Every structure is written in C-alpha cells, then in structure tokens.
Amino acid sequence: MRVGQFGDLDTRRLDRTGTPEVILAEGKRDEHLAQLCEAFVDEADWAIVSRLTPDRVSLVEGEAWETDYHDEARLAVLRTDEAQLPDHGGRVAVVAAGTSDVGVAEEARLTARLTGSRTQRAYDVGVAGPHRLERALAGMETEPDVYVCVAGREAALPTVLAASVDPPVVAVPTSIGYGHGGGGESSLSSVLQSCAPLLAVNIDAGVPAGLCASTIARQVGRARRDRDTA
C-alpha cells in the first residue's frame, strides 16, 4: 500500500507469513512516521512501532486508536477497538544475562507476545552466577517451545543455555560492553562461534529475535493443537 512518495506498506504480511511488518521509527522523519502509522492502522487496525523514543510517542498517537508505549523496550502498539491480534498458543521464554540487557530482551519479548506467543521471562541470570540460570529454568511456568537469550559482553549465556535445554535457542548479542571488543563485537563473535547449536541475530536485534522465536513457537503450537485434537 503506497503512502505518498516515501512508503509502501506491506499490510498483508501477517496473512502471508504469520508475522506482521513492524514500523521502524528510527531514522524516519517525523511527518513520514506519523503518516505511515496512520495509514497502517487505517488498513490493518493495529501496528507495531519499534525503536520509538519517548519524545516521539505523540507522533504515533491518534484519535481513532489506542497507543500503548513500552518505554523500556522503546516499542509501541497501536490498535483500534476492532483490532484482532494473533494468538497462536506457542510459548516463548526470554532470558537475559544482565539487567543492562533488559531493554533488548523486552523488545524481543513484546514482539513475540504481540505476534501471538505466550511469553515468560527470566532476567539477570548471567554465567557469573551459574545458580541463577538453574533456578530460572526450574521456575518456568510451562515448558517453552523456544528460548530467546539476550547477552552482552562475552555473551556466554546463549551457549550455556543451548547446551542445557531441549528447545531451540535464539541468541541476541547486545552492545553492552566496553573497551576492546566492546559495543557488541565480542558478543556477536561469541554467539557465532558457539559450539552449542543455536540461532543468532544481529547486535541489539530484539525485534528480529522476537519474530523468529514467534515463528518457531507458532509451528510448535500448531502441532500441539493438531496432536491434542487428533
């Protein structure tokens, strides 16, 4: 769907692939962002806006829809009264190594939840205190279909998690860390070189991780429903 001379929205992506297009606020001019959000909600009844800073929230607010802004994740969901968000019953658990990683972790978790997944979380369970991860895994309310593991610095946690659980792990290296190898370089290298099988997304890529995890969870949830009704 064309929007002026600057945008072409894919409002049918949810029907086609099971995950919707997400509007990235970062880098867009104010007027472009506002017009894209209005057009998307008018067509699809709801939209997800990522990398949205608090000072720009007013740009995506409108009289025809409700705006829920999650400041820690820098993510907003816009929805009309007629909006029907997906609910496929798949289960995603988001695990974060440190408190500094929570922003990216929440971006991933909310993305997964908004695209149909049931989510749970365990934060500040990094490998410097191995007992914390063990306690977090034991405390999961339900067995996840997929994990998202968010970690900065040396990003050892995704490898440890992938070597400890049966469901697949989506690793998200973060830019937390400084000095040599800081800014996510060591984190990304670590997850790419993992000796345990896992999937990896880019540095601070919470939305792609959430979409990937939700896609996996959707398939598992569908198989579970088919099995239960057979």
Protein backbone atom coordinates (compact mmCIF):
# COMPACT_ATOMS: atom_id res chain seq x y z
CA MET A 1 0.00 0.00 0.00
CA ARG A 2 1.63 3.22 -1.16
CA VAL A 3 1.91 6.13 1.26
CA GLY A 4 2.90 9.32 -0.52
CA GLN A 5 6.20 9.15 -2.37
CA PHE A 6 8.13 7.68 0.56
CA GLY A 7 6.44 4.48 1.75
CA ASP A 8 4.99 1.19 0.55
CA LEU A 9 3.43 -0.71 3.45
CA ASP A 10 3.08 -4.48 3.47
CA THR A 11 -0.17 -4.68 5.44
CA ARG A 12 -0.87 -8.27 4.30
CA ARG A 13 2.39 -9.75 5.58
CA LEU A 14 0.67 -11.19 8.65
CA ASP A 15 -1.75 -13.18 6.47
CA ARG A 16 1.06 -14.29 4.19
CA THR A 17 3.80 -15.21 6.66
CA GLY A 18 2.26 -15.24 10.13
CA THR A 19 4.23 -12.19 11.29
CA PRO A 20 3.37 -8.55 10.54
CA GLU A 21 5.51 -5.76 9.19
CA VAL A 22 6.95 -3.68 12.03
CA ILE A 23 7.32 0.07 11.53
CA LEU A 24 10.86 1.16 12.45
CA ALA A 25 10.72 4.68 13.89
CA GLU A 26 14.48 5.17 13.95
CA GLY A 27 15.76 7.20 11.02
CA LYS A 28 12.34 8.32 9.77
CA ARG A 29 11.28 11.94 9.52
CA ASP A 30 8.53 12.89 11.96
CA GLU A 31 5.92 13.51 9.28
CA HIS A 32 6.75 10.27 7.49
CA LEU A 33 6.45 8.25 10.70
CA ALA A 34 3.10 9.79 11.57
CA GLN A 35 1.66 9.21 8.09
CA LEU A 36 2.90 5.62 7.91
CA CYS A 37 1.36 4.75 11.27
CA GLU A 38 -1.96 6.34 10.38
CA ALA A 39 -2.11 4.51 7.05
CA PHE A 40 -1.13 1.16 8.58
CA VAL A 41 -3.70 1.31 11.38
CA ASP A 42 -6.39 2.51 8.99
CA GLU A 43 -5.77 -0.55 6.82
CA ALA A 44 -4.92 -3.27 9.38
CA ASP A 45 -6.48 -1.95 12.64
CA TRP A 46 -3.18 -2.28 14.51
CA ALA A 47 0.56 -1.74 14.14
CA ILE A 48 3.82 -2.27 16.00
CA VAL A 49 6.31 0.61 16.07
CA SER A 50 9.90 -0.14 17.14
CA ARG A 51 12.87 1.98 18.23
CA LEU A 52 10.48 4.74 19.28
CA THR A 53 11.95 7.22 21.76
CA PRO A 54 9.70 8.82 24.41
CA ASP A 55 9.90 12.26 22.82
CA ARG A 56 8.32 10.92 19.61
CA VAL A 57 5.40 8.99 21.08
CA SER A 58 3.00 11.85 20.36
CA LEU A 59 3.72 11.38 16.64
CA VAL A 60 2.08 7.95 16.61
CA GLU A 61 -0.93 8.82 18.75
CA GLY A 62 -4.30 9.22 17.08
CA GLU A 63 -7.96 9.72 17.93
CA ALA A 64 -9.01 6.54 16.10
CA TRP A 65 -6.74 4.17 18.02
CA GLU A 66 -5.20 3.46 21.40
CA THR A 67 -1.43 3.76 21.81
CA ASP A 68 0.38 1.58 24.34
CA TYR A 69 4.01 2.61 24.75
CA HIS A 70 6.59 0.44 26.49
CA ASP A 71 9.48 2.73 27.30
CA GLU A 72 11.99 0.07 28.34
CA ALA A 73 11.55 -1.72 25.00
CA ARG A 74 11.11 1.55 23.07
CA LEU A 75 8.15 -0.13 21.40
CA ALA A 76 4.55 0.95 20.82
CA VAL A 77 1.47 -0.94 19.75
CA LEU A 78 -1.33 0.99 18.08
CA ARG A 79 -4.75 -0.65 17.97
CA THR A 80 -8.34 0.23 17.19
CA ASP A 81 -11.32 -1.27 19.01
CA GLU A 82 -11.73 -3.69 16.09
CA ALA A 83 -8.14 -4.95 16.20
CA GLN A 84 -7.65 -8.70 16.49
CA LEU A 85 -4.09 -9.53 17.47
CA PRO A 86 -2.84 -13.06 16.75
CA ASP A 87 -2.82 -15.73 19.46
CA HIS A 88 -1.32 -19.00 18.24
CA GLY A 89 -0.61 -20.53 21.64
CA GLY A 90 3.12 -21.03 21.10
CA ARG A 91 5.37 -20.44 24.10
CA VAL A 92 8.45 -18.20 24.13
CA ALA A 93 10.78 -17.71 27.11
CA VAL A 94 13.13 -14.73 27.10
CA VAL A 95 16.29 -14.97 29.19
CA ALA A 96 18.68 -12.05 29.74
CA ALA A 97 22.19 -12.22 31.13
CA GLY A 98 22.29 -8.83 32.86
CA THR A 99 19.99 -6.00 33.88
CA SER A 100 21.64 -3.85 31.21
CA ASP A 101 20.30 -6.29 28.60
CA VAL A 102 16.67 -5.94 29.69
CA GLY A 103 15.75 -3.27 27.13
CA VAL A 104 16.61 -5.53 24.20
CA ALA A 105 15.08 -8.51 25.99
CA GLU A 106 11.79 -6.68 26.47
CA GLU A 107 11.81 -5.62 22.83
CA ALA A 108 12.08 -9.28 21.86
CA ARG A 109 9.51 -10.47 24.40
CA LEU A 110 6.88 -7.89 23.49
CA THR A 111 7.39 -8.54 19.79
CA ALA A 112 6.82 -12.25 20.38
CA ARG A 113 3.77 -11.58 22.54
CA LEU A 114 2.20 -9.15 20.09
CA THR A 115 2.64 -11.65 17.27
CA GLY A 116 0.76 -14.40 19.08
CA SER A 117 3.10 -16.05 21.58
CA ARG A 118 2.59 -16.69 25.28
CA THR A 119 5.72 -15.30 26.92
CA GLN A 120 7.64 -15.64 30.16
CA ARG A 121 10.95 -14.12 31.23
CA ALA A 122 13.98 -14.56 33.46
CA TYR A 123 16.39 -11.64 33.72
CA ASP A 124 19.82 -11.10 35.30
CA VAL A 125 20.80 -14.77 35.13
CA GLY A 126 24.28 -14.43 33.61
CA VAL A 127 27.01 -17.04 33.84
CA ALA A 128 28.94 -15.23 36.59
CA GLY A 129 26.33 -16.77 38.92
CA PRO A 130 25.52 -20.19 37.39
CA HIS A 131 22.96 -20.98 40.10
CA ARG A 132 20.75 -18.16 38.83
CA LEU A 133 20.16 -19.78 35.44
CA GLU A 134 19.46 -23.14 37.04
CA ARG A 135 16.90 -21.53 39.34
CA ALA A 136 15.31 -19.61 36.47
CA LEU A 137 14.90 -22.69 34.29
CA ALA A 138 13.38 -24.64 37.16
CA GLY A 139 10.94 -21.81 37.78
CA MET A 140 9.46 -21.65 34.27
CA GLU A 141 5.67 -21.91 34.47
CA THR A 142 5.43 -24.01 31.31
CA GLU A 143 7.96 -25.71 29.05
CA PRO A 144 8.91 -23.15 26.37
CA ASP A 145 8.77 -24.03 22.70
CA VAL A 146 11.74 -21.74 22.05
CA TYR A 147 14.08 -19.54 24.07
CA VAL A 148 15.38 -16.07 23.26
CA CYS A 149 18.67 -15.48 25.07
CA VAL A 150 19.97 -11.91 25.32
CA ALA A 151 23.53 -11.21 26.44
CA GLY A 152 26.26 -8.61 26.09
CA ARG A 153 29.96 -8.55 26.98
CA GLU A 154 31.34 -12.05 26.25
CA ALA A 155 27.79 -13.40 25.68
CA ALA A 156 28.50 -16.80 27.16
CA LEU A 157 24.93 -17.34 28.33
CA PRO A 158 23.39 -18.37 24.97
CA THR A 159 25.91 -21.20 24.61
CA VAL A 160 25.34 -22.38 28.17
CA LEU A 161 21.57 -22.22 27.71
CA ALA A 162 21.65 -24.03 24.37
CA ALA A 163 23.71 -26.78 25.99
CA SER A 164 21.22 -27.10 28.85
CA VAL A 165 17.75 -27.20 27.27
CA ASP A 166 15.89 -29.12 24.57
CA PRO A 167 14.01 -26.28 22.76
CA PRO A 168 15.88 -24.16 20.20
CA VAL A 169 17.64 -21.00 21.36
CA VAL A 170 17.68 -17.68 19.50
CA ALA A 171 20.73 -15.71 20.66
CA VAL A 172 20.71 -11.92 20.73
CA PRO A 173 24.12 -10.32 21.31
CA THR A 174 23.85 -6.83 22.76
CA SER A 175 26.06 -3.76 22.57
CA ILE A 176 26.63 -3.82 26.34
CA GLY A 177 30.38 -3.92 27.00
CA TYR A 178 33.27 -1.51 26.55
CA GLY A 179 36.93 -1.35 25.63
CA HIS A 180 38.46 -3.92 23.30
CA GLY A 181 35.70 -5.92 21.63
CA GLY A 182 33.01 -3.70 23.14
CA GLY A 183 29.87 -2.39 21.52
CA GLY A 184 28.66 -5.90 20.74
CA GLU A 185 31.62 -7.09 18.66
CA SER A 186 32.72 -9.75 21.15
CA SER A 187 29.11 -10.66 21.90
CA LEU A 188 28.33 -11.28 18.25
CA SER A 189 31.55 -13.22 17.66
CA SER A 190 30.83 -15.38 20.69
CA VAL A 191 27.36 -16.49 19.59
CA LEU A 192 28.52 -17.04 16.00
CA GLN A 193 31.33 -19.27 17.26
CA SER A 194 29.14 -21.17 19.72
CA CYS A 195 29.87 -24.87 19.95
CA ALA A 196 26.27 -25.49 21.03
CA PRO A 197 23.59 -25.38 18.31
CA LEU A 198 21.73 -22.08 18.33
CA LEU A 199 20.39 -19.37 16.03
CA ALA A 200 21.88 -15.87 16.11
CA VAL A 201 20.56 -12.46 15.11
CA ASN A 202 22.39 -9.16 14.86
CA ILE A 203 23.54 -6.93 17.72
CA ASP A 204 20.61 -5.49 19.73
CA ALA A 205 18.16 -7.04 17.24
CA GLY A 206 15.27 -7.60 19.63
CA VAL A 207 12.50 -7.35 17.04
CA PRO A 208 14.04 -9.90 14.61
CA ALA A 209 14.64 -12.25 17.54
CA GLY A 210 11.06 -11.91 18.72
CA LEU A 211 9.67 -12.51 15.23
CA CYS A 212 11.92 -15.52 14.68
CA ALA A 213 11.00 -17.03 18.04
CA SER A 214 7.31 -16.41 17.47
CA THR A 215 7.51 -18.12 14.09
CA ILE A 216 9.05 -21.22 15.67
CA ALA A 217 6.56 -21.17 18.54
CA ARG A 218 3.66 -20.83 16.12
CA GLN A 219 4.66 -24.02 14.32
CA VAL A 220 5.07 -25.92 17.59
CA GLY A 221 1.78 -24.58 18.91
CA ARG A 222 0.01 -25.68 15.74
CA ALA A 223 1.49 -29.17 16.00
CA ARG A 224 0.44 -29.36 19.66
CA ARG A 225 -3.15 -28.40 18.81
CA ASP A 226 -3.26 -30.93 15.97
CA ARG A 227 -1.98 -33.64 18.30
CA ASP A 228 -4.47 -32.77 21.04
CA THR A 229 -7.43 -32.84 18.64
CA ALA A 230 -6.40 -35.98 16.75
